[in-house]
Structure formats: structure tokens, C-alpha cells
C-alpha atoms as a PDB file:
ATOM      1  CA  MET A   1       9.548   7.719 -12.077  1.00  0.00           C
ATOM      2  CA  SER A   2       8.435   4.517 -11.065  1.00  0.00           C
ATOM      3  CA  PRO A   3       6.046   4.005  -8.101  1.00  0.00           C
ATOM      4  CA  THR A   4       8.764   2.867  -6.226  1.00  0.00           C
ATOM      5  CA  GLY A   5      10.528   5.773  -6.588  1.00  0.00           C
ATOM      6  CA  VAL A   6       8.138   8.028  -5.911  1.00  0.00           C
ATOM      7  CA  LEU A   7       6.987   5.993  -2.533  1.00  0.00           C
ATOM      8  CA  GLU A   8      10.854   6.517  -1.615  1.00  0.00           C
ATOM      9  CA  GLN A   9      10.733  10.298  -1.779  1.00  0.00           C
ATOM     10  CA  LEU A  10       8.298  10.714  -0.141  1.00  0.00           C
ATOM     11  CA  ASN A  11       9.499   8.541   2.573  1.00  0.00           C
ATOM     12  CA  ALA A  12      12.891  10.810   2.600  1.00  0.00           C
ATOM     13  CA  LEU A  13      10.297  13.999   3.234  1.00  0.00           C
ATOM     14  CA  LYS A  14       8.738  12.169   6.421  1.00  0.00           C
ATOM     15  CA  VAL A  15       5.136  12.588   5.367  1.00  0.00           C
ATOM     16  CA  GLY A  16       4.148   9.145   6.835  1.00  0.00           C
ATOM     17  CA  GLU A  17       4.094   5.692   4.914  1.00  0.00           C
ATOM     18  CA  GLN A  18       0.260   5.526   4.646  1.00  0.00           C
ATOM     19  CA  ILE A  19       0.351   8.856   3.134  1.00  0.00           C
ATOM     20  CA  ALA A  20       2.859   7.578   0.635  1.00  0.00           C
ATOM     21  CA  ARG A  21       1.116   5.408  -0.026  1.00  0.00           C
ATOM     22  CA  MET A  22      -2.116   6.977  -0.827  1.00  0.00           C
ATOM     23  CA  VAL A  23      -0.259   9.367  -3.390  1.00  0.00           C
ATOM     24  CA  VAL A  24       1.318   6.977  -5.318  1.00  0.00           C
ATOM     25  CA  GLY A  25      -1.999   4.866  -5.560  1.00  0.00           C
ATOM     26  CA  ALA A  26      -3.396   8.380  -6.807  1.00  0.00           C
ATOM     27  CA  LEU A  27      -0.289   9.598  -9.072  1.00  0.00           C
ATOM     28  CA  ILE A  28      -1.316   5.841 -10.670  1.00  0.00           C
ATOM     29  CA  ASP A  29      -4.594   5.999 -10.971  1.00  0.00           C
ATOM     30  CA  THR A  30      -4.794   9.573 -13.057  1.00  0.00           C
ATOM     31  CA  GLN A  31      -1.585   7.810 -14.906  1.00  0.00           C
ATOM     32  CA  GLN A  32       1.292  10.612 -13.756  1.00  0.00           C
ATOM     33  CA  ILE A  33       3.100   7.687 -13.190  1.00  0.00           C
ATOM     34  CA  VAL A  34       2.887   3.925 -14.359  1.00  0.00           C
ATOM     35  CA  GLY A  35       3.292   1.097 -12.667  1.00  0.00           C
ATOM     36  CA  SER A  36       1.472  -0.553  -9.407  1.00  0.00           C
ATOM     37  CA  GLY A  37       1.386   0.212  -5.948  1.00  0.00           C
ATOM     38  CA  ASP A  38       0.859  -1.611  -1.966  1.00  0.00           C
ATOM     39  CA  VAL A  39      -2.761  -1.288  -0.698  1.00  0.00           C
ATOM     40  CA  LYS A  40      -3.081   1.424   2.193  1.00  0.00           C
ATOM     41  CA  ALA A  41      -3.453  -0.313   5.201  1.00  0.00           C
ATOM     42  CA  ASP A  42      -5.652   1.658   7.047  1.00  0.00           C
ATOM     43  CA  ILE A  43      -7.671   0.615   9.886  1.00  0.00           C
ATOM     44  CA  HIS A  44     -10.738  -0.270   7.746  1.00  0.00           C
ATOM     45  CA  VAL A  45      -8.507  -3.054   5.615  1.00  0.00           C
ATOM     46  CA  ARG A  46      -6.617  -3.777   8.461  1.00  0.00           C
ATOM     47  CA  ARG A  47      -9.949  -5.089  10.587  1.00  0.00           C
ATOM     48  CA  VAL A  48     -11.611  -6.532   7.772  1.00  0.00           C
ATOM     49  CA  LEU A  49      -9.019  -8.916   6.321  1.00  0.00           C
ATOM     50  CA  GLY A  50      -8.175  -9.703   9.583  1.00  0.00           C
ATOM     51  CA  ARG A  51     -11.249 -10.670  10.410  1.00  0.00           C
ATOM     52  CA  LEU A  52     -11.731 -12.301   6.946  1.00  0.00           C
ATOM     53  CA  LEU A  53      -8.370 -14.557   7.747  1.00  0.00           C
ATOM     54  CA  MET A  54      -7.130 -14.810  11.294  1.00  0.00           C
ATOM     55  CA  GLY A  55     -10.207 -13.515  13.448  1.00  0.00           C
ATOM     56  CA  ARG A  56      -8.679 -10.388  14.849  1.00  0.00           C
ATOM     57  CA  MET A  57      -7.348  -6.966  13.722  1.00  0.00           C
ATOM     58  CA  LEU A  58      -3.899  -7.143  11.413  1.00  0.00           C
ATOM     59  CA  ASN A  59      -1.466  -5.630  12.045  1.00  0.00           C
ATOM     60  CA  PRO A  60      -0.262  -2.523   9.176  1.00  0.00           C
ATOM     61  CA  GLY A  61       2.818  -4.623   8.664  1.00  0.00           C
ATOM     62  CA  GLU A  62       0.555  -8.282   8.138  1.00  0.00           C
ATOM     63  CA  ALA A  63      -2.236  -5.972   6.206  1.00  0.00           C
ATOM     64  CA  LEU A  64       0.721  -5.536   3.551  1.00  0.00           C
ATOM     65  CA  GLU A  65       1.702  -8.871   3.674  1.00  0.00           C
ATOM     66  CA  MET A  66      -1.416 -10.850   2.945  1.00  0.00           C
ATOM     67  CA  THR A  67      -2.609  -8.399   0.054  1.00  0.00           C
ATOM     68  CA  ARG A  68       0.972  -8.728  -0.980  1.00  0.00           C
ATOM     69  CA  GLU A  69       0.220 -12.741  -1.025  1.00  0.00           C
ATOM     70  CA  MET A  70      -3.121 -12.127  -2.569  1.00  0.00           C
ATOM     71  CA  ASN A  71      -2.884 -10.469  -5.687  1.00  0.00           C
ATOM     72  CA  PRO A  72       1.311 -10.360  -6.128  1.00  0.00           C
ATOM     73  CA  GLN A  73       1.281  -8.796  -9.437  1.00  0.00           C
ATOM     74  CA  THR A  74       0.533  -5.321  -7.852  1.00  0.00           C
ATOM     75  CA  LEU A  75       4.051  -5.139  -6.364  1.00  0.00           C
ATOM     76  CA  ALA A  76       5.495  -1.804  -6.537  1.00  0.00           C
ATOM     77  CA  SER A  77       7.207  -1.729  -9.845  1.00  0.00           C
END
């Protein structure tokens, strides 16, 4: 199954967007699924990216968008 498929199934189970992204990342890291995924836009990612790029903390959507722009080949497939 693709990372997108796993993410959709986890979202359907309502595990939460951030937890679902972490699970997909762990499955990719352990080679249980093949592909690439998104960053988990936790508070640390949001704060550091925000300070570096915008001078303020980012919301989760902004953090995802910016990381996708920084490294577009890592989008979930």
C-alpha cells in the first residue's frame, strides 16, 4: 500500500492527522511501506520554521506547505 493509502485509512479511523503522519513516517522508515511522506508539523517544526522563515510561529498547514516547497520530491505518493 502507498503512504497516501495508509494515511487515508488512518484518517478514516480518526486517529488524528499528526499521529497518522507519524505512523506513515515510521512505516516508511522501517520499510513496511515504500514511498515518501510529509513532515509532522508539530510545535517544534512550526516554531523553528516560523522563526527562520516568517518571524513567527506557523500554523500546521503553513508548516506543511513550506516543507513541501522546500523538498517537493518528498510528497506522499
